[in-house]
Amino acid sequence: MELLKLATEWAKAEVFSTRFFILFALLFLIASAGFWQLGKTDLAKAYVIPTLVAGLILVTIGLGLFYTNKSRVVQFEKSFNADAPAFYETEIERSESTLKEYTVVFKVIPILIIVAALLILFINTPTWRAISITTIAMLIVILLIDGTAHARIEAYHKELKLVDLKNDINE
């Protein structure tokens, strides 16, 4: 049962964490509406579409991860009760592959931030400045949330390896 509890607690923490994608998405959408209604300068008007797009991207990510992890909470108990050793192996493999994916994320996103920063320097139009600055802001939000998710999956993976499966099945 320790294995099931561990997996369930991890999934619930992920559900909570994904709500931050939705919160930041709402902030971007509110900012877009604000720029649309109150924007007087060309630069302010240029932010309407990029902040709207960033908000939609973040809400899509947030809702997708929210429902995926919410369904995992229910599925974990069924999978554990059906075949605990197979559940254990699946979780080890899934956490390892997720950790590898984060390695890619933490290399690609900083490169994208650098590219967006360079665009600010070399292309001096309001539209491209707004796109670049909004992109940087959105990617920073993703890095912040994924940074905590990475730490959680890393700790979860380490704890999984410490679980005594034989004693856990007999409980």
N, C-alpha and C. Protein backbone atom coordinates (compact mmCIF):
# COMPACT_ATOMS: atom_id res chain seq x y z
N MET A 1 0.81 -1.20 0.00
CA MET A 1 0.00 0.00 0.00
C MET A 1 0.85 1.27 0.00
N GLU A 2 2.10 1.15 0.45
CA GLU A 2 2.98 2.32 0.44
C GLU A 2 3.18 2.81 -1.00
N LEU A 3 3.30 1.88 -1.92
CA LEU A 3 3.48 2.22 -3.33
C LEU A 3 2.27 2.97 -3.87
N LEU A 4 1.09 2.49 -3.58
CA LEU A 4 -0.14 3.15 -4.03
C LEU A 4 -0.26 4.54 -3.42
N LYS A 5 0.03 4.66 -2.15
CA LYS A 5 -0.04 5.96 -1.47
C LYS A 5 0.95 6.94 -2.08
N LEU A 6 2.15 6.47 -2.32
CA LEU A 6 3.20 7.30 -2.92
C LEU A 6 2.78 7.80 -4.30
N ALA A 7 2.28 6.90 -5.13
CA ALA A 7 1.86 7.27 -6.49
C ALA A 7 0.68 8.23 -6.45
N THR A 8 -0.27 7.98 -5.58
CA THR A 8 -1.46 8.83 -5.48
C THR A 8 -1.09 10.22 -5.00
N GLU A 9 -0.21 10.31 -4.00
CA GLU A 9 0.22 11.62 -3.50
C GLU A 9 0.95 12.41 -4.59
N TRP A 10 1.78 11.72 -5.37
CA TRP A 10 2.48 12.39 -6.47
C TRP A 10 1.48 12.94 -7.48
N ALA A 11 0.50 12.11 -7.88
CA ALA A 11 -0.49 12.53 -8.88
C ALA A 11 -1.33 13.70 -8.37
N LYS A 12 -1.69 13.69 -7.11
CA LYS A 12 -2.47 14.79 -6.53
C LYS A 12 -1.65 16.08 -6.51
N ALA A 13 -0.37 15.97 -6.22
CA ALA A 13 0.51 17.15 -6.24
C ALA A 13 0.62 17.70 -7.66
N GLU A 14 0.64 16.81 -8.65
CA GLU A 14 0.68 17.24 -10.04
C GLU A 14 -0.61 17.94 -10.44
N VAL A 15 -1.74 17.43 -9.96
CA VAL A 15 -3.03 18.08 -10.24
C VAL A 15 -3.02 19.49 -9.67
N PHE A 16 -2.54 19.64 -8.46
CA PHE A 16 -2.46 20.97 -7.84
C PHE A 16 -1.54 21.89 -8.64
N SER A 17 -0.40 21.38 -9.05
CA SER A 17 0.60 22.16 -9.77
C SER A 17 0.08 22.64 -11.13
N THR A 18 -0.69 21.81 -11.81
CA THR A 18 -1.17 22.19 -13.13
C THR A 18 -2.16 23.35 -13.07
N ARG A 19 -2.74 23.57 -11.93
CA ARG A 19 -3.65 24.72 -11.77
C ARG A 19 -2.91 26.04 -11.95
N PHE A 20 -1.62 26.03 -11.73
CA PHE A 20 -0.84 27.25 -11.92
C PHE A 20 -0.72 27.62 -13.39
N PHE A 21 -0.71 26.62 -14.27
CA PHE A 21 -0.76 26.91 -15.71
C PHE A 21 -2.04 27.68 -16.03
N ILE A 22 -3.14 27.22 -15.46
CA ILE A 22 -4.43 27.85 -15.70
C ILE A 22 -4.47 29.25 -15.10
N LEU A 23 -3.91 29.41 -13.90
CA LEU A 23 -3.86 30.74 -13.26
C LEU A 23 -3.07 31.73 -14.11
N PHE A 24 -1.89 31.34 -14.55
CA PHE A 24 -1.09 32.22 -15.39
C PHE A 24 -1.76 32.46 -16.75
N ALA A 25 -2.45 31.45 -17.26
CA ALA A 25 -3.19 31.62 -18.51
C ALA A 25 -4.24 32.71 -18.36
N LEU A 26 -4.94 32.68 -17.25
CA LEU A 26 -5.96 33.71 -16.99
C LEU A 26 -5.31 35.09 -16.90
N LEU A 27 -4.14 35.17 -16.28
CA LEU A 27 -3.45 36.46 -16.19
C LEU A 27 -3.06 36.97 -17.58
N PHE A 28 -2.58 36.09 -18.44
CA PHE A 28 -2.24 36.49 -19.81
C PHE A 28 -3.50 36.94 -20.56
N LEU A 29 -4.60 36.22 -20.38
CA LEU A 29 -5.84 36.58 -21.06
C LEU A 29 -6.38 37.92 -20.57
N ILE A 30 -6.28 38.16 -19.27
CA ILE A 30 -6.69 39.45 -18.70
C ILE A 30 -5.80 40.56 -19.24
N ALA A 31 -4.50 40.28 -19.33
CA ALA A 31 -3.57 41.28 -19.88
C ALA A 31 -3.94 41.58 -21.34
N SER A 32 -4.28 40.56 -22.11
CA SER A 32 -4.67 40.77 -23.49
C SER A 32 -5.90 41.67 -23.59
N ALA A 33 -6.89 41.38 -22.76
CA ALA A 33 -8.10 42.22 -22.75
C ALA A 33 -7.76 43.65 -22.33
N GLY A 34 -6.87 43.78 -21.36
CA GLY A 34 -6.45 45.10 -20.92
C GLY A 34 -5.74 45.88 -22.01
N PHE A 35 -4.84 45.23 -22.71
CA PHE A 35 -4.15 45.90 -23.83
C PHE A 35 -5.15 46.27 -24.94
N TRP A 36 -6.12 45.40 -25.16
CA TRP A 36 -7.11 45.65 -26.20
C TRP A 36 -7.97 46.87 -25.85
N GLN A 37 -8.40 46.94 -24.59
CA GLN A 37 -9.29 48.03 -24.17
C GLN A 37 -8.55 49.33 -23.86
N LEU A 38 -7.37 49.22 -23.27
CA LEU A 38 -6.69 50.42 -22.76
C LEU A 38 -5.45 50.82 -23.56
N GLY A 39 -5.00 49.98 -24.47
CA GLY A 39 -3.77 50.25 -25.22
C GLY A 39 -3.89 51.47 -26.11
N LYS A 40 -3.03 52.42 -25.89
CA LYS A 40 -3.05 53.65 -26.69
C LYS A 40 -1.87 53.71 -27.67
N THR A 41 -0.73 53.14 -27.27
CA THR A 41 0.45 53.20 -28.12
C THR A 41 0.50 51.98 -29.05
N ASP A 42 1.34 52.06 -30.06
CA ASP A 42 1.49 50.94 -30.99
C ASP A 42 1.99 49.69 -30.27
N LEU A 43 2.92 49.88 -29.33
CA LEU A 43 3.47 48.73 -28.60
C LEU A 43 2.40 48.09 -27.72
N ALA A 44 1.60 48.90 -27.04
CA ALA A 44 0.53 48.35 -26.20
C ALA A 44 -0.48 47.58 -27.05
N LYS A 45 -0.84 48.11 -28.20
CA LYS A 45 -1.78 47.43 -29.10
C LYS A 45 -1.17 46.15 -29.66
N ALA A 46 0.13 46.14 -29.83
CA ALA A 46 0.80 44.97 -30.39
C ALA A 46 0.78 43.78 -29.42
N TYR A 47 0.55 44.03 -28.13
CA TYR A 47 0.53 42.95 -27.14
C TYR A 47 -0.77 42.15 -27.14
N VAL A 48 -1.82 42.65 -27.76
CA VAL A 48 -3.13 42.00 -27.69
C VAL A 48 -3.06 40.55 -28.18
N ILE A 49 -2.60 40.32 -29.39
CA ILE A 49 -2.57 38.97 -29.97
C ILE A 49 -1.55 38.07 -29.28
N PRO A 50 -0.30 38.51 -29.05
CA PRO A 50 0.67 37.61 -28.40
C PRO A 50 0.24 37.16 -26.99
N THR A 51 -0.32 38.07 -26.19
CA THR A 51 -0.75 37.66 -24.85
C THR A 51 -1.97 36.76 -24.91
N LEU A 52 -2.83 36.98 -25.90
CA LEU A 52 -3.98 36.10 -26.09
C LEU A 52 -3.51 34.69 -26.47
N VAL A 53 -2.58 34.61 -27.40
CA VAL A 53 -2.04 33.31 -27.83
C VAL A 53 -1.34 32.61 -26.66
N ALA A 54 -0.51 33.35 -25.92
CA ALA A 54 0.19 32.75 -24.77
C ALA A 54 -0.82 32.25 -23.73
N GLY A 55 -1.86 33.02 -23.50
CA GLY A 55 -2.90 32.58 -22.56
C GLY A 55 -3.58 31.31 -23.02
N LEU A 56 -3.89 31.24 -24.30
CA LEU A 56 -4.54 30.04 -24.84
C LEU A 56 -3.61 28.82 -24.78
N ILE A 57 -2.33 29.03 -25.06
CA ILE A 57 -1.36 27.92 -24.98
C ILE A 57 -1.28 27.42 -23.55
N LEU A 58 -1.16 28.34 -22.59
CA LEU A 58 -1.03 27.94 -21.18
C LEU A 58 -2.30 27.26 -20.66
N VAL A 59 -3.47 27.75 -21.07
CA VAL A 59 -4.71 27.10 -20.61
C VAL A 59 -4.83 25.71 -21.22
N THR A 60 -4.39 25.54 -22.45
CA THR A 60 -4.42 24.23 -23.09
C THR A 60 -3.49 23.25 -22.37
N ILE A 61 -2.28 23.72 -22.08
CA ILE A 61 -1.33 22.88 -21.33
C ILE A 61 -1.90 22.53 -19.96
N GLY A 62 -2.41 23.53 -19.27
CA GLY A 62 -2.93 23.33 -17.92
C GLY A 62 -4.10 22.37 -17.88
N LEU A 63 -5.07 22.56 -18.75
CA LEU A 63 -6.23 21.68 -18.75
C LEU A 63 -5.85 20.26 -19.17
N GLY A 64 -4.97 20.14 -20.15
CA GLY A 64 -4.53 18.81 -20.58
C GLY A 64 -3.84 18.05 -19.45
N LEU A 65 -2.92 18.72 -18.79
CA LEU A 65 -2.21 18.07 -17.68
C LEU A 65 -3.13 17.82 -16.49
N PHE A 66 -4.05 18.74 -16.24
CA PHE A 66 -4.97 18.59 -15.12
C PHE A 66 -5.81 17.32 -15.29
N TYR A 67 -6.43 17.16 -16.44
CA TYR A 67 -7.29 15.99 -16.64
C TYR A 67 -6.49 14.70 -16.75
N THR A 68 -5.31 14.77 -17.33
CA THR A 68 -4.46 13.58 -17.40
C THR A 68 -4.10 13.08 -16.01
N ASN A 69 -3.64 14.01 -15.16
CA ASN A 69 -3.22 13.61 -13.82
C ASN A 69 -4.41 13.30 -12.91
N LYS A 70 -5.53 13.96 -13.13
CA LYS A 70 -6.74 13.67 -12.35
C LYS A 70 -7.19 12.23 -12.61
N SER A 71 -7.14 11.81 -13.88
CA SER A 71 -7.55 10.44 -14.21
C SER A 71 -6.53 9.42 -13.69
N ARG A 72 -5.27 9.83 -13.57
CA ARG A 72 -4.26 8.92 -13.04
C ARG A 72 -4.55 8.53 -11.60
N VAL A 73 -5.07 9.47 -10.81
CA VAL A 73 -5.37 9.19 -9.40
C VAL A 73 -6.32 8.01 -9.31
N VAL A 74 -7.35 7.98 -10.13
CA VAL A 74 -8.32 6.89 -10.13
C VAL A 74 -7.70 5.62 -10.72
N GLN A 75 -6.94 5.77 -11.80
CA GLN A 75 -6.37 4.63 -12.50
C GLN A 75 -5.30 3.92 -11.65
N PHE A 76 -4.57 4.67 -10.83
CA PHE A 76 -3.51 4.08 -10.02
C PHE A 76 -4.04 2.96 -9.14
N GLU A 77 -5.15 3.20 -8.46
CA GLU A 77 -5.68 2.18 -7.56
C GLU A 77 -6.11 0.93 -8.33
N LYS A 78 -6.74 1.12 -9.47
CA LYS A 78 -7.16 -0.03 -10.28
C LYS A 78 -5.95 -0.83 -10.75
N SER A 79 -4.94 -0.13 -11.24
CA SER A 79 -3.74 -0.80 -11.74
C SER A 79 -2.98 -1.51 -10.63
N PHE A 80 -2.89 -0.86 -9.48
CA PHE A 80 -2.18 -1.45 -8.34
C PHE A 80 -2.89 -2.72 -7.88
N ASN A 81 -4.22 -2.66 -7.75
CA ASN A 81 -4.98 -3.82 -7.28
C ASN A 81 -4.98 -4.95 -8.30
N ALA A 82 -4.91 -4.62 -9.57
CA ALA A 82 -4.90 -5.65 -10.61
C ALA A 82 -3.57 -6.40 -10.64
N ASP A 83 -2.46 -5.66 -10.58
CA ASP A 83 -1.13 -6.29 -10.68
C ASP A 83 -0.09 -5.33 -10.13
N ALA A 84 0.20 -5.44 -8.84
CA ALA A 84 1.11 -4.51 -8.17
C ALA A 84 2.53 -4.52 -8.77
N PRO A 85 3.13 -5.68 -9.02
CA PRO A 85 4.48 -5.66 -9.62
C PRO A 85 4.51 -4.98 -11.00
N ALA A 86 3.50 -5.22 -11.81
CA ALA A 86 3.44 -4.57 -13.13
C ALA A 86 3.24 -3.07 -12.97
N PHE A 87 2.42 -2.67 -12.00
CA PHE A 87 2.20 -1.25 -11.72
C PHE A 87 3.51 -0.58 -11.31
N TYR A 88 4.25 -1.27 -10.45
CA TYR A 88 5.55 -0.76 -9.99
C TYR A 88 6.50 -0.55 -11.17
N GLU A 89 6.61 -1.55 -12.03
CA GLU A 89 7.51 -1.46 -13.19
C GLU A 89 7.07 -0.34 -14.14
N THR A 90 5.78 -0.24 -14.34
CA THR A 90 5.25 0.82 -15.22
C THR A 90 5.59 2.20 -14.67
N GLU A 91 5.44 2.36 -13.38
CA GLU A 91 5.73 3.67 -12.76
C GLU A 91 7.22 3.99 -12.80
N ILE A 92 8.06 3.00 -12.61
CA ILE A 92 9.51 3.22 -12.71
C ILE A 92 9.85 3.68 -14.13
N GLU A 93 9.33 2.96 -15.13
CA GLU A 93 9.61 3.30 -16.53
C GLU A 93 9.05 4.68 -16.88
N ARG A 94 7.83 4.97 -16.44
CA ARG A 94 7.20 6.26 -16.75
C ARG A 94 7.96 7.41 -16.11
N SER A 95 8.38 7.24 -14.87
CA SER A 95 9.11 8.32 -14.20
C SER A 95 10.49 8.52 -14.84
N GLU A 96 11.14 7.44 -15.27
CA GLU A 96 12.43 7.58 -15.95
C GLU A 96 12.28 8.30 -17.29
N SER A 97 11.27 7.95 -18.06
CA SER A 97 11.08 8.61 -19.35
C SER A 97 10.69 10.07 -19.16
N THR A 98 9.92 10.37 -18.14
CA THR A 98 9.55 11.76 -17.86
C THR A 98 10.77 12.57 -17.47
N LEU A 99 11.65 11.99 -16.68
CA LEU A 99 12.89 12.68 -16.30
C LEU A 99 13.74 12.99 -17.54
N LYS A 100 13.78 12.08 -18.49
CA LYS A 100 14.53 12.32 -19.73
C LYS A 100 13.89 13.46 -20.54
N GLU A 101 12.57 13.50 -20.56
CA GLU A 101 11.88 14.58 -21.27
C GLU A 101 12.19 15.94 -20.66
N TYR A 102 12.27 15.99 -19.35
CA TYR A 102 12.59 17.26 -18.68
C TYR A 102 13.99 17.74 -19.03
N THR A 103 14.90 16.82 -19.25
CA THR A 103 16.25 17.20 -19.65
C THR A 103 16.20 17.97 -20.96
N VAL A 104 15.39 17.51 -21.89
CA VAL A 104 15.22 18.19 -23.17
C VAL A 104 14.56 19.55 -22.96
N VAL A 105 13.52 19.58 -22.15
CA VAL A 105 12.79 20.83 -21.89
C VAL A 105 13.73 21.89 -21.32
N PHE A 106 14.57 21.50 -20.38
CA PHE A 106 15.45 22.47 -19.73
C PHE A 106 16.62 22.89 -20.61
N LYS A 107 16.77 22.27 -21.75
CA LYS A 107 17.76 22.72 -22.74
C LYS A 107 17.11 23.56 -23.83
N VAL A 108 15.93 23.16 -24.26
CA VAL A 108 15.27 23.84 -25.38
C VAL A 108 14.68 25.19 -24.95
N ILE A 109 14.01 25.24 -23.83
CA ILE A 109 13.36 26.49 -23.41
C ILE A 109 14.36 27.63 -23.22
N PRO A 110 15.49 27.42 -22.57
CA PRO A 110 16.45 28.54 -22.49
C PRO A 110 16.95 29.01 -23.86
N ILE A 111 17.10 28.08 -24.79
CA ILE A 111 17.51 28.48 -26.15
C ILE A 111 16.42 29.34 -26.80
N LEU A 112 15.17 28.96 -26.61
CA LEU A 112 14.06 29.75 -27.15
C LEU A 112 14.01 31.15 -26.50
N ILE A 113 14.31 31.22 -25.22
CA ILE A 113 14.35 32.51 -24.53
C ILE A 113 15.46 33.39 -25.12
N ILE A 114 16.60 32.79 -25.37
CA ILE A 114 17.72 33.54 -25.97
C ILE A 114 17.34 34.05 -27.36
N VAL A 115 16.70 33.19 -28.15
CA VAL A 115 16.28 33.60 -29.50
C VAL A 115 15.29 34.76 -29.42
N ALA A 116 14.34 34.68 -28.50
CA ALA A 116 13.36 35.76 -28.34
C ALA A 116 14.05 37.05 -27.89
N ALA A 117 15.03 36.93 -27.00
CA ALA A 117 15.77 38.12 -26.55
C ALA A 117 16.56 38.74 -27.70
N LEU A 118 17.13 37.92 -28.54
CA LEU A 118 17.86 38.43 -29.69
C LEU A 118 16.93 39.14 -30.68
N LEU A 119 15.72 38.63 -30.82
CA LEU A 119 14.75 39.29 -31.68
C LEU A 119 14.43 40.70 -31.18
N ILE A 120 14.38 40.86 -29.86
CA ILE A 120 14.13 42.19 -29.28
C ILE A 120 15.26 43.14 -29.68
N LEU A 121 16.48 42.61 -29.65
CA LEU A 121 17.64 43.45 -29.97
C LEU A 121 17.71 43.83 -31.45
N PHE A 122 17.38 42.88 -32.33
CA PHE A 122 17.64 43.10 -33.75
C PHE A 122 16.43 43.52 -34.59
N ILE A 123 15.23 43.24 -34.11
CA ILE A 123 14.04 43.64 -34.86
C ILE A 123 13.29 44.65 -34.01
N ASN A 124 13.25 45.88 -34.48
CA ASN A 124 12.74 46.97 -33.67
C ASN A 124 11.35 47.42 -34.13
N THR A 125 10.43 46.46 -34.23
CA THR A 125 9.05 46.83 -34.54
C THR A 125 8.18 46.46 -33.33
N PRO A 126 7.10 47.19 -33.10
CA PRO A 126 6.26 46.91 -31.93
C PRO A 126 5.73 45.47 -31.90
N THR A 127 5.33 44.95 -33.05
CA THR A 127 4.77 43.60 -33.09
C THR A 127 5.79 42.56 -32.65
N TRP A 128 7.01 42.63 -33.20
CA TRP A 128 8.03 41.64 -32.85
C TRP A 128 8.52 41.81 -31.42
N ARG A 129 8.55 43.04 -30.92
CA ARG A 129 8.91 43.24 -29.52
C ARG A 129 7.87 42.61 -28.61
N ALA A 130 6.61 42.83 -28.93
CA ALA A 130 5.52 42.26 -28.12
C ALA A 130 5.55 40.74 -28.16
N ILE A 131 5.75 40.18 -29.35
CA ILE A 131 5.82 38.72 -29.49
C ILE A 131 6.99 38.18 -28.67
N SER A 132 8.14 38.81 -28.80
CA SER A 132 9.34 38.32 -28.10
C SER A 132 9.19 38.42 -26.59
N ILE A 133 8.72 39.54 -26.10
CA ILE A 133 8.58 39.73 -24.65
C ILE A 133 7.52 38.78 -24.09
N THR A 134 6.42 38.63 -24.79
CA THR A 134 5.37 37.70 -24.33
C THR A 134 5.88 36.26 -24.35
N THR A 135 6.63 35.91 -25.38
CA THR A 135 7.20 34.56 -25.46
C THR A 135 8.14 34.30 -24.29
N ILE A 136 8.98 35.27 -23.99
CA ILE A 136 9.90 35.12 -22.86
C ILE A 136 9.11 34.94 -21.56
N ALA A 137 8.08 35.76 -21.37
CA ALA A 137 7.27 35.66 -20.14
C ALA A 137 6.60 34.29 -20.04
N MET A 138 6.02 33.81 -21.14
CA MET A 138 5.35 32.51 -21.14
C MET A 138 6.34 31.38 -20.86
N LEU A 139 7.50 31.44 -21.49
CA LEU A 139 8.51 30.38 -21.29
C LEU A 139 9.05 30.38 -19.86
N ILE A 140 9.15 31.56 -19.26
CA ILE A 140 9.58 31.62 -17.86
C ILE A 140 8.54 30.97 -16.96
N VAL A 141 7.27 31.23 -17.24
CA VAL A 141 6.19 30.58 -16.46
C VAL A 141 6.30 29.07 -16.60
N ILE A 142 6.50 28.59 -17.82
CA ILE A 142 6.63 27.15 -18.05
C ILE A 142 7.83 26.59 -17.29
N LEU A 143 8.95 27.30 -17.33
CA LEU A 143 10.14 26.85 -16.60
C LEU A 143 9.90 26.80 -15.09
N LEU A 144 9.22 27.80 -14.57
CA LEU A 144 8.93 27.81 -13.12
C LEU A 144 8.09 26.61 -12.71
N ILE A 145 7.02 26.38 -13.45
CA ILE A 145 6.12 25.29 -13.09
C ILE A 145 6.78 23.94 -13.36
N ASP A 146 7.45 23.80 -14.51
CA ASP A 146 8.12 22.55 -14.82
C ASP A 146 9.31 22.28 -13.90
N GLY A 147 9.93 23.33 -13.40
CA GLY A 147 11.03 23.15 -12.45
C GLY A 147 10.57 22.44 -11.19
N THR A 148 9.42 22.86 -10.68
CA THR A 148 8.90 22.19 -9.48
C THR A 148 8.39 20.79 -9.81
N ALA A 149 7.79 20.64 -11.00
CA ALA A 149 7.31 19.32 -11.41
C ALA A 149 8.49 18.35 -11.59
N HIS A 150 9.59 18.86 -12.13
CA HIS A 150 10.79 18.03 -12.30
C HIS A 150 11.32 17.58 -10.94
N ALA A 151 11.37 18.49 -10.00
CA ALA A 151 11.85 18.12 -8.66
C ALA A 151 10.93 17.07 -8.02
N ARG A 152 9.62 17.22 -8.26
CA ARG A 152 8.66 16.26 -7.69
C ARG A 152 8.81 14.89 -8.33
N ILE A 153 8.95 14.82 -9.65
CA ILE A 153 9.07 13.51 -10.31
C ILE A 153 10.41 12.86 -9.97
N GLU A 154 11.44 13.67 -9.77
CA GLU A 154 12.74 13.14 -9.37
C GLU A 154 12.66 12.52 -7.98
N ALA A 155 12.02 13.22 -7.05
CA ALA A 155 11.85 12.68 -5.70
C ALA A 155 10.96 11.44 -5.72
N TYR A 156 9.90 11.48 -6.53
CA TYR A 156 9.00 10.34 -6.67
C TYR A 156 9.75 9.12 -7.20
N HIS A 157 10.58 9.34 -8.21
CA HIS A 157 11.36 8.24 -8.79
C HIS A 157 12.31 7.63 -7.76
N LYS A 158 12.97 8.48 -6.99
CA LYS A 158 13.88 7.97 -5.94
C LYS A 158 13.12 7.19 -4.88
N GLU A 159 11.95 7.69 -4.49
CA GLU A 159 11.15 6.99 -3.49
C GLU A 159 10.61 5.67 -4.03
N LEU A 160 10.27 5.65 -5.32
CA LEU A 160 9.81 4.40 -5.94
C LEU A 160 10.87 3.32 -5.83
N LYS A 161 12.10 3.70 -6.07
CA LYS A 161 13.19 2.72 -6.02
C LYS A 161 13.44 2.20 -4.61
N LEU A 162 12.99 2.94 -3.60
CA LEU A 162 13.17 2.52 -2.21
C LEU A 162 12.02 1.65 -1.69
N VAL A 163 10.93 1.59 -2.44
CA VAL A 163 9.77 0.82 -1.99
C VAL A 163 10.10 -0.66 -1.96
N ASP A 164 9.75 -1.29 -0.85
CA ASP A 164 9.93 -2.74 -0.70
C ASP A 164 8.66 -3.40 -1.23
N LEU A 165 8.70 -3.80 -2.48
CA LEU A 165 7.52 -4.29 -3.17
C LEU A 165 6.95 -5.55 -2.52
N LYS A 166 7.79 -6.44 -2.04
CA LYS A 166 7.30 -7.69 -1.44
C LYS A 166 6.47 -7.41 -0.20
N ASN A 167 6.97 -6.53 0.67
CA ASN A 167 6.20 -6.19 1.87
C ASN A 167 4.96 -5.38 1.52
N ASP A 168 5.06 -4.55 0.49
CA ASP A 168 3.94 -3.68 0.10
C ASP A 168 2.77 -4.51 -0.43
N ILE A 169 3.05 -5.56 -1.17
CA ILE A 169 1.98 -6.41 -1.73
C ILE A 169 1.29 -7.21 -0.63
N ASN A 170 2.04 -7.63 0.38
CA ASN A 170 1.47 -8.47 1.44
C ASN A 170 0.64 -7.69 2.44
N GLU A 171 0.75 -6.36 2.44
CA GLU A 171 0.01 -5.57 3.43
C GLU A 171 -1.48 -5.59 3.18
